[in-house]
Amino acid sequence: MAREPRVAPRHLGYAIVVSPLSDEDGGGYLAETPDLPGCIGDGDTPAAAIADAEQAIAEWIAEAKRLKRPIPTPASPGQHSGRWVQRVPRSLHGRLAAVAKREGVSLNTLVTAILAEGVGQRTEPSRRRQGKRD
């Protein structure tokens, strides 16, 4: 599936980006909420993925409130295009391509997942610096 992701109607002000999943990834659709790190949904259809993401948004916000963590403000529509050009060393490009091939995903999907994980870790209060662990 080489179709581009599409942006679904906003939920609680948060954009939901829907992308088809490859057969290797189980098929169906992935719905991501870029403003809330790690907040995703999935489903057999775009509508099912969006509905799952809407539930995930509500749960993400409720959990952030429970943990007294900041809740990101939704980005304004059109504020970010979702595209940029990034130069990396050839060796890193090769290593990323090898991992993507091994995992059966596109290079773009792999890098997006790695970036989302990294941003999610950076936006959580650092317990390591405070010497605390759960």
N, C-alpha and C. Protein backbone atom coordinates (compact mmCIF):
# COMPACT_ATOMS: atom_id res chain seq x y z
N MET A 1 0.84 -1.18 0.00
CA MET A 1 0.00 0.00 0.00
C MET A 1 0.88 1.24 0.00
N ALA A 2 0.81 2.00 -1.03
CA ALA A 2 1.66 3.17 -1.13
C ALA A 2 0.87 4.46 -1.00
N ARG A 3 -0.35 4.39 -0.50
CA ARG A 3 -1.16 5.60 -0.37
C ARG A 3 -0.61 6.49 0.73
N GLU A 4 -0.79 7.78 0.54
CA GLU A 4 -0.33 8.78 1.52
C GLU A 4 -1.27 8.78 2.72
N PRO A 5 -0.75 9.13 3.90
CA PRO A 5 -1.62 9.30 5.05
C PRO A 5 -2.58 10.45 4.80
N ARG A 6 -3.71 10.44 5.46
CA ARG A 6 -4.66 11.54 5.36
C ARG A 6 -5.03 12.01 6.75
N VAL A 7 -5.39 13.26 6.85
CA VAL A 7 -5.77 13.82 8.13
C VAL A 7 -7.28 13.72 8.26
N ALA A 8 -7.73 13.09 9.33
CA ALA A 8 -9.16 12.93 9.60
C ALA A 8 -9.68 14.18 10.30
N PRO A 9 -11.00 14.28 10.45
CA PRO A 9 -11.53 15.41 11.22
C PRO A 9 -10.92 15.42 12.62
N ARG A 10 -10.76 16.62 13.18
CA ARG A 10 -10.13 16.78 14.48
C ARG A 10 -11.06 16.28 15.59
N HIS A 11 -10.47 15.74 16.65
CA HIS A 11 -11.23 15.28 17.82
C HIS A 11 -10.69 16.01 19.04
N LEU A 12 -11.55 16.73 19.73
CA LEU A 12 -11.15 17.55 20.87
C LEU A 12 -10.05 18.53 20.48
N GLY A 13 -10.03 18.91 19.21
CA GLY A 13 -9.02 19.84 18.72
C GLY A 13 -7.75 19.18 18.22
N TYR A 14 -7.59 17.88 18.43
CA TYR A 14 -6.38 17.16 18.05
C TYR A 14 -6.54 16.53 16.66
N ALA A 15 -5.53 16.71 15.83
CA ALA A 15 -5.53 16.09 14.50
C ALA A 15 -5.31 14.59 14.65
N ILE A 16 -5.93 13.85 13.76
CA ILE A 16 -5.74 12.40 13.69
C ILE A 16 -5.28 12.10 12.26
N VAL A 17 -4.11 11.47 12.14
CA VAL A 17 -3.56 11.14 10.83
C VAL A 17 -3.74 9.65 10.59
N VAL A 18 -4.43 9.30 9.51
CA VAL A 18 -4.75 7.91 9.21
C VAL A 18 -3.87 7.43 8.06
N SER A 19 -3.22 6.29 8.28
CA SER A 19 -2.34 5.69 7.27
C SER A 19 -2.69 4.22 7.10
N PRO A 20 -2.65 3.72 5.87
CA PRO A 20 -2.86 2.28 5.69
C PRO A 20 -1.65 1.51 6.20
N LEU A 21 -1.91 0.35 6.77
CA LEU A 21 -0.84 -0.53 7.23
C LEU A 21 -0.57 -1.57 6.14
N SER A 22 0.68 -1.94 5.99
CA SER A 22 1.02 -2.95 5.00
C SER A 22 0.50 -4.31 5.46
N ASP A 23 0.41 -5.24 4.54
CA ASP A 23 -0.01 -6.59 4.89
C ASP A 23 0.95 -7.20 5.91
N GLU A 24 2.25 -6.85 5.79
CA GLU A 24 3.25 -7.36 6.73
C GLU A 24 2.99 -6.84 8.15
N ASP A 25 2.38 -5.65 8.24
CA ASP A 25 2.06 -5.07 9.54
C ASP A 25 0.66 -5.46 10.00
N GLY A 26 0.02 -6.37 9.31
CA GLY A 26 -1.29 -6.85 9.72
C GLY A 26 -2.45 -6.26 8.95
N GLY A 27 -2.17 -5.33 8.02
CA GLY A 27 -3.24 -4.71 7.25
C GLY A 27 -4.07 -3.76 8.09
N GLY A 28 -5.10 -3.22 7.50
CA GLY A 28 -5.95 -2.27 8.19
C GLY A 28 -5.36 -0.87 8.16
N TYR A 29 -5.69 -0.08 9.19
CA TYR A 29 -5.28 1.32 9.22
C TYR A 29 -4.78 1.71 10.60
N LEU A 30 -3.83 2.63 10.60
CA LEU A 30 -3.27 3.19 11.82
C LEU A 30 -3.72 4.64 11.90
N ALA A 31 -4.20 5.06 13.06
CA ALA A 31 -4.62 6.45 13.28
C ALA A 31 -3.74 7.02 14.39
N GLU A 32 -2.94 8.02 14.05
CA GLU A 32 -2.01 8.62 15.00
C GLU A 32 -2.46 10.02 15.38
N THR A 33 -2.18 10.42 16.61
CA THR A 33 -2.46 11.76 17.09
C THR A 33 -1.12 12.42 17.36
N PRO A 34 -0.58 13.16 16.39
CA PRO A 34 0.78 13.70 16.49
C PRO A 34 1.03 14.58 17.72
N ASP A 35 0.02 15.28 18.19
CA ASP A 35 0.22 16.18 19.33
C ASP A 35 0.29 15.45 20.67
N LEU A 36 -0.13 14.17 20.70
CA LEU A 36 -0.12 13.39 21.94
C LEU A 36 0.78 12.17 21.72
N PRO A 37 2.05 12.24 22.11
CA PRO A 37 3.01 11.17 21.84
C PRO A 37 2.51 9.79 22.29
N GLY A 38 2.57 8.85 21.35
CA GLY A 38 2.18 7.48 21.65
C GLY A 38 0.68 7.24 21.59
N CYS A 39 -0.12 8.24 21.28
CA CYS A 39 -1.57 8.11 21.24
C CYS A 39 -1.98 7.67 19.84
N ILE A 40 -2.37 6.40 19.72
CA ILE A 40 -2.71 5.83 18.42
C ILE A 40 -3.97 4.98 18.53
N GLY A 41 -4.54 4.69 17.39
CA GLY A 41 -5.64 3.75 17.29
C GLY A 41 -5.44 2.95 16.01
N ASP A 42 -6.17 1.87 15.88
CA ASP A 42 -6.10 1.11 14.64
C ASP A 42 -7.44 0.46 14.38
N GLY A 43 -7.61 -0.03 13.18
CA GLY A 43 -8.85 -0.68 12.82
C GLY A 43 -8.80 -1.24 11.41
N ASP A 44 -9.80 -2.01 11.07
CA ASP A 44 -9.87 -2.61 9.74
C ASP A 44 -10.21 -1.60 8.66
N THR A 45 -10.86 -0.49 9.06
CA THR A 45 -11.24 0.56 8.12
C THR A 45 -10.74 1.89 8.67
N PRO A 46 -10.64 2.92 7.82
CA PRO A 46 -10.26 4.23 8.34
C PRO A 46 -11.20 4.70 9.45
N ALA A 47 -12.50 4.48 9.27
CA ALA A 47 -13.47 4.91 10.29
C ALA A 47 -13.24 4.19 11.62
N ALA A 48 -12.95 2.91 11.57
CA ALA A 48 -12.69 2.15 12.80
C ALA A 48 -11.42 2.64 13.48
N ALA A 49 -10.39 2.95 12.68
CA ALA A 49 -9.13 3.45 13.24
C ALA A 49 -9.35 4.81 13.89
N ILE A 50 -10.14 5.67 13.26
CA ILE A 50 -10.43 6.99 13.82
C ILE A 50 -11.21 6.85 15.13
N ALA A 51 -12.20 5.99 15.15
CA ALA A 51 -12.98 5.78 16.38
C ALA A 51 -12.09 5.27 17.51
N ASP A 52 -11.17 4.38 17.18
CA ASP A 52 -10.23 3.86 18.18
C ASP A 52 -9.31 4.97 18.67
N ALA A 53 -8.85 5.83 17.76
CA ALA A 53 -7.98 6.95 18.13
C ALA A 53 -8.73 7.96 19.00
N GLU A 54 -10.00 8.20 18.71
CA GLU A 54 -10.79 9.12 19.53
C GLU A 54 -10.88 8.63 20.97
N GLN A 55 -11.08 7.33 21.13
CA GLN A 55 -11.11 6.73 22.47
C GLN A 55 -9.73 6.85 23.13
N ALA A 56 -8.68 6.63 22.33
CA ALA A 56 -7.31 6.72 22.85
C ALA A 56 -7.00 8.15 23.30
N ILE A 57 -7.49 9.15 22.57
CA ILE A 57 -7.27 10.54 22.96
C ILE A 57 -7.88 10.81 24.32
N ALA A 58 -9.13 10.39 24.50
CA ALA A 58 -9.80 10.58 25.79
C ALA A 58 -9.04 9.90 26.92
N GLU A 59 -8.58 8.68 26.68
CA GLU A 59 -7.83 7.94 27.70
C GLU A 59 -6.47 8.57 27.97
N TRP A 60 -5.80 9.06 26.92
CA TRP A 60 -4.49 9.71 27.06
C TRP A 60 -4.63 10.94 27.95
N ILE A 61 -5.63 11.76 27.67
CA ILE A 61 -5.84 12.98 28.45
C ILE A 61 -6.21 12.64 29.89
N ALA A 62 -7.09 11.67 30.10
CA ALA A 62 -7.48 11.27 31.46
C ALA A 62 -6.27 10.79 32.25
N GLU A 63 -5.42 10.00 31.62
CA GLU A 63 -4.23 9.48 32.31
C GLU A 63 -3.24 10.60 32.62
N ALA A 64 -3.06 11.53 31.69
CA ALA A 64 -2.17 12.67 31.94
C ALA A 64 -2.68 13.49 33.12
N LYS A 65 -3.99 13.69 33.19
CA LYS A 65 -4.57 14.43 34.32
C LYS A 65 -4.34 13.67 35.62
N ARG A 66 -4.58 12.36 35.58
CA ARG A 66 -4.40 11.54 36.78
C ARG A 66 -2.97 11.61 37.29
N LEU A 67 -2.01 11.62 36.37
CA LEU A 67 -0.59 11.67 36.73
C LEU A 67 -0.08 13.09 36.93
N LYS A 68 -0.99 14.07 36.76
CA LYS A 68 -0.64 15.49 36.89
C LYS A 68 0.48 15.87 35.92
N ARG A 69 0.37 15.35 34.71
CA ARG A 69 1.32 15.68 33.66
C ARG A 69 0.71 16.71 32.72
N PRO A 70 1.55 17.51 32.07
CA PRO A 70 1.01 18.52 31.15
C PRO A 70 0.33 17.86 29.95
N ILE A 71 -0.72 18.52 29.49
CA ILE A 71 -1.44 18.05 28.31
C ILE A 71 -1.13 19.02 27.17
N PRO A 72 -0.48 18.54 26.11
CA PRO A 72 -0.13 19.44 25.00
C PRO A 72 -1.36 20.10 24.39
N THR A 73 -1.20 21.34 24.01
CA THR A 73 -2.25 22.06 23.30
C THR A 73 -2.27 21.56 21.86
N PRO A 74 -3.46 21.36 21.30
CA PRO A 74 -3.51 20.92 19.90
C PRO A 74 -2.85 21.95 18.98
N ALA A 75 -2.11 21.47 18.01
CA ALA A 75 -1.50 22.36 17.02
C ALA A 75 -2.61 22.94 16.14
N SER A 76 -2.40 24.14 15.68
CA SER A 76 -3.36 24.76 14.77
C SER A 76 -3.36 24.01 13.45
N PRO A 77 -4.54 23.87 12.82
CA PRO A 77 -4.57 23.21 11.51
C PRO A 77 -3.62 23.92 10.54
N GLY A 78 -2.86 23.13 9.81
CA GLY A 78 -1.96 23.69 8.82
C GLY A 78 -0.66 24.23 9.39
N GLN A 79 -0.50 24.13 10.72
CA GLN A 79 0.71 24.67 11.34
C GLN A 79 1.95 23.89 10.91
N HIS A 80 1.81 22.58 10.74
CA HIS A 80 2.94 21.74 10.33
C HIS A 80 2.50 20.87 9.16
N SER A 81 3.32 20.79 8.16
CA SER A 81 2.96 20.01 6.97
C SER A 81 3.19 18.52 7.15
N GLY A 82 4.02 18.14 8.13
CA GLY A 82 4.35 16.73 8.30
C GLY A 82 5.50 16.28 7.42
N ARG A 83 6.12 17.21 6.72
CA ARG A 83 7.23 16.87 5.84
C ARG A 83 8.41 17.79 6.12
N TRP A 84 9.60 17.21 6.09
CA TRP A 84 10.84 17.97 6.10
C TRP A 84 11.93 17.09 5.53
N VAL A 85 13.02 17.69 5.15
CA VAL A 85 14.15 16.94 4.59
C VAL A 85 15.23 16.90 5.66
N GLN A 86 15.72 15.71 5.95
CA GLN A 86 16.74 15.52 6.97
C GLN A 86 17.91 14.78 6.36
N ARG A 87 19.09 15.35 6.44
CA ARG A 87 20.30 14.66 5.97
C ARG A 87 20.89 13.88 7.13
N VAL A 88 21.28 12.64 6.85
CA VAL A 88 21.91 11.79 7.86
C VAL A 88 23.16 11.17 7.23
N PRO A 89 24.08 10.72 8.06
CA PRO A 89 25.25 10.03 7.51
C PRO A 89 24.82 8.77 6.75
N ARG A 90 25.56 8.45 5.69
CA ARG A 90 25.24 7.26 4.90
C ARG A 90 25.20 6.00 5.76
N SER A 91 26.10 5.92 6.72
CA SER A 91 26.14 4.73 7.57
C SER A 91 24.85 4.59 8.38
N LEU A 92 24.33 5.70 8.89
CA LEU A 92 23.06 5.66 9.63
C LEU A 92 21.91 5.31 8.71
N HIS A 93 21.90 5.88 7.52
CA HIS A 93 20.87 5.58 6.54
C HIS A 93 20.86 4.07 6.25
N GLY A 94 22.05 3.50 6.05
CA GLY A 94 22.16 2.08 5.79
C GLY A 94 21.67 1.23 6.95
N ARG A 95 22.03 1.63 8.16
CA ARG A 95 21.59 0.86 9.34
C ARG A 95 20.07 0.93 9.50
N LEU A 96 19.51 2.12 9.30
CA LEU A 96 18.05 2.27 9.39
C LEU A 96 17.34 1.44 8.32
N ALA A 97 17.86 1.47 7.10
CA ALA A 97 17.27 0.69 6.01
C ALA A 97 17.31 -0.80 6.33
N ALA A 98 18.41 -1.26 6.92
CA ALA A 98 18.53 -2.69 7.27
C ALA A 98 17.52 -3.07 8.35
N VAL A 99 17.35 -2.22 9.34
CA VAL A 99 16.37 -2.51 10.40
C VAL A 99 14.96 -2.52 9.83
N ALA A 100 14.65 -1.54 8.97
CA ALA A 100 13.32 -1.49 8.36
C ALA A 100 13.05 -2.76 7.55
N LYS A 101 14.04 -3.20 6.78
CA LYS A 101 13.87 -4.42 5.99
C LYS A 101 13.65 -5.62 6.90
N ARG A 102 14.46 -5.72 7.96
CA ARG A 102 14.33 -6.83 8.89
C ARG A 102 12.95 -6.85 9.55
N GLU A 103 12.41 -5.66 9.85
CA GLU A 103 11.10 -5.57 10.52
C GLU A 103 9.95 -5.58 9.53
N GLY A 104 10.27 -5.56 8.22
CA GLY A 104 9.22 -5.63 7.21
C GLY A 104 8.39 -4.36 7.10
N VAL A 105 9.00 -3.21 7.39
CA VAL A 105 8.29 -1.94 7.29
C VAL A 105 9.09 -1.01 6.39
N SER A 106 8.45 0.07 5.97
CA SER A 106 9.18 1.05 5.16
C SER A 106 10.14 1.83 6.05
N LEU A 107 11.14 2.41 5.42
CA LEU A 107 12.09 3.26 6.14
C LEU A 107 11.35 4.42 6.80
N ASN A 108 10.40 5.00 6.09
CA ASN A 108 9.61 6.11 6.63
C ASN A 108 8.85 5.69 7.89
N THR A 109 8.22 4.52 7.86
CA THR A 109 7.46 4.03 9.01
C THR A 109 8.39 3.80 10.20
N LEU A 110 9.53 3.20 9.95
CA LEU A 110 10.48 2.94 11.02
C LEU A 110 10.96 4.24 11.67
N VAL A 111 11.39 5.21 10.85
CA VAL A 111 11.91 6.46 11.39
C VAL A 111 10.81 7.23 12.13
N THR A 112 9.58 7.20 11.61
CA THR A 112 8.47 7.85 12.29
C THR A 112 8.25 7.24 13.67
N ALA A 113 8.30 5.92 13.75
CA ALA A 113 8.11 5.24 15.04
C ALA A 113 9.24 5.60 16.01
N ILE A 114 10.47 5.61 15.52
CA ILE A 114 11.62 5.94 16.38
C ILE A 114 11.50 7.38 16.88
N LEU A 115 11.14 8.30 15.99
CA LEU A 115 10.97 9.69 16.41
C LEU A 115 9.84 9.84 17.43
N ALA A 116 8.71 9.17 17.19
CA ALA A 116 7.58 9.25 18.12
C ALA A 116 7.96 8.72 19.50
N GLU A 117 8.70 7.61 19.52
CA GLU A 117 9.15 7.07 20.81
C GLU A 117 10.07 8.06 21.52
N GLY A 118 11.00 8.64 20.79
CA GLY A 118 11.93 9.59 21.37
C GLY A 118 11.23 10.84 21.89
N VAL A 119 10.30 11.37 21.13
CA VAL A 119 9.56 12.55 21.57
C VAL A 119 8.73 12.21 22.80
N GLY A 120 8.13 11.02 22.80
CA GLY A 120 7.34 10.59 23.96
C GLY A 120 8.19 10.53 25.22
N GLN A 121 9.41 10.04 25.10
CA GLN A 121 10.30 9.96 26.25
C GLN A 121 10.73 11.33 26.72
N ARG A 122 10.93 12.25 25.79
CA ARG A 122 11.38 13.60 26.15
C ARG A 122 10.27 14.44 26.76
N THR A 123 9.01 14.14 26.43
CA THR A 123 7.92 14.96 26.95
C THR A 123 7.45 14.49 28.32
N GLU A 124 7.84 13.29 28.73
CA GLU A 124 7.50 12.82 30.07
C GLU A 124 8.47 13.45 31.06
N PRO A 125 7.98 13.78 32.26
CA PRO A 125 8.92 14.31 33.25
C PRO A 125 10.05 13.31 33.48
N SER A 126 11.26 13.79 33.49
CA SER A 126 12.41 12.90 33.61
C SER A 126 12.56 12.43 35.05
N ARG A 127 12.27 11.18 35.25
CA ARG A 127 12.44 10.60 36.58
C ARG A 127 13.87 10.17 36.80
N ARG A 128 14.58 9.93 35.69
CA ARG A 128 15.98 9.53 35.84
C ARG A 128 16.80 10.65 36.43
N ARG A 129 16.56 11.90 35.99
CA ARG A 129 17.31 13.02 36.53
C ARG A 129 16.99 13.24 38.00
N GLN A 130 15.76 12.91 38.40
CA GLN A 130 15.37 13.10 39.80
C GLN A 130 15.76 11.90 40.65
N GLY A 131 16.27 10.86 40.00
CA GLY A 131 16.68 9.67 40.74
C GLY A 131 15.51 8.80 41.18
N LYS A 132 14.34 8.96 40.55
CA LYS A 132 13.15 8.19 40.92
C LYS A 132 12.83 7.20 39.81
N ARG A 133 12.30 6.09 40.19
CA ARG A 133 11.84 5.08 39.23
C ARG A 133 10.52 4.53 39.72
N ASP A 134 9.68 4.11 38.76
CA ASP A 134 8.38 3.49 39.12
C ASP A 134 8.57 2.08 39.58
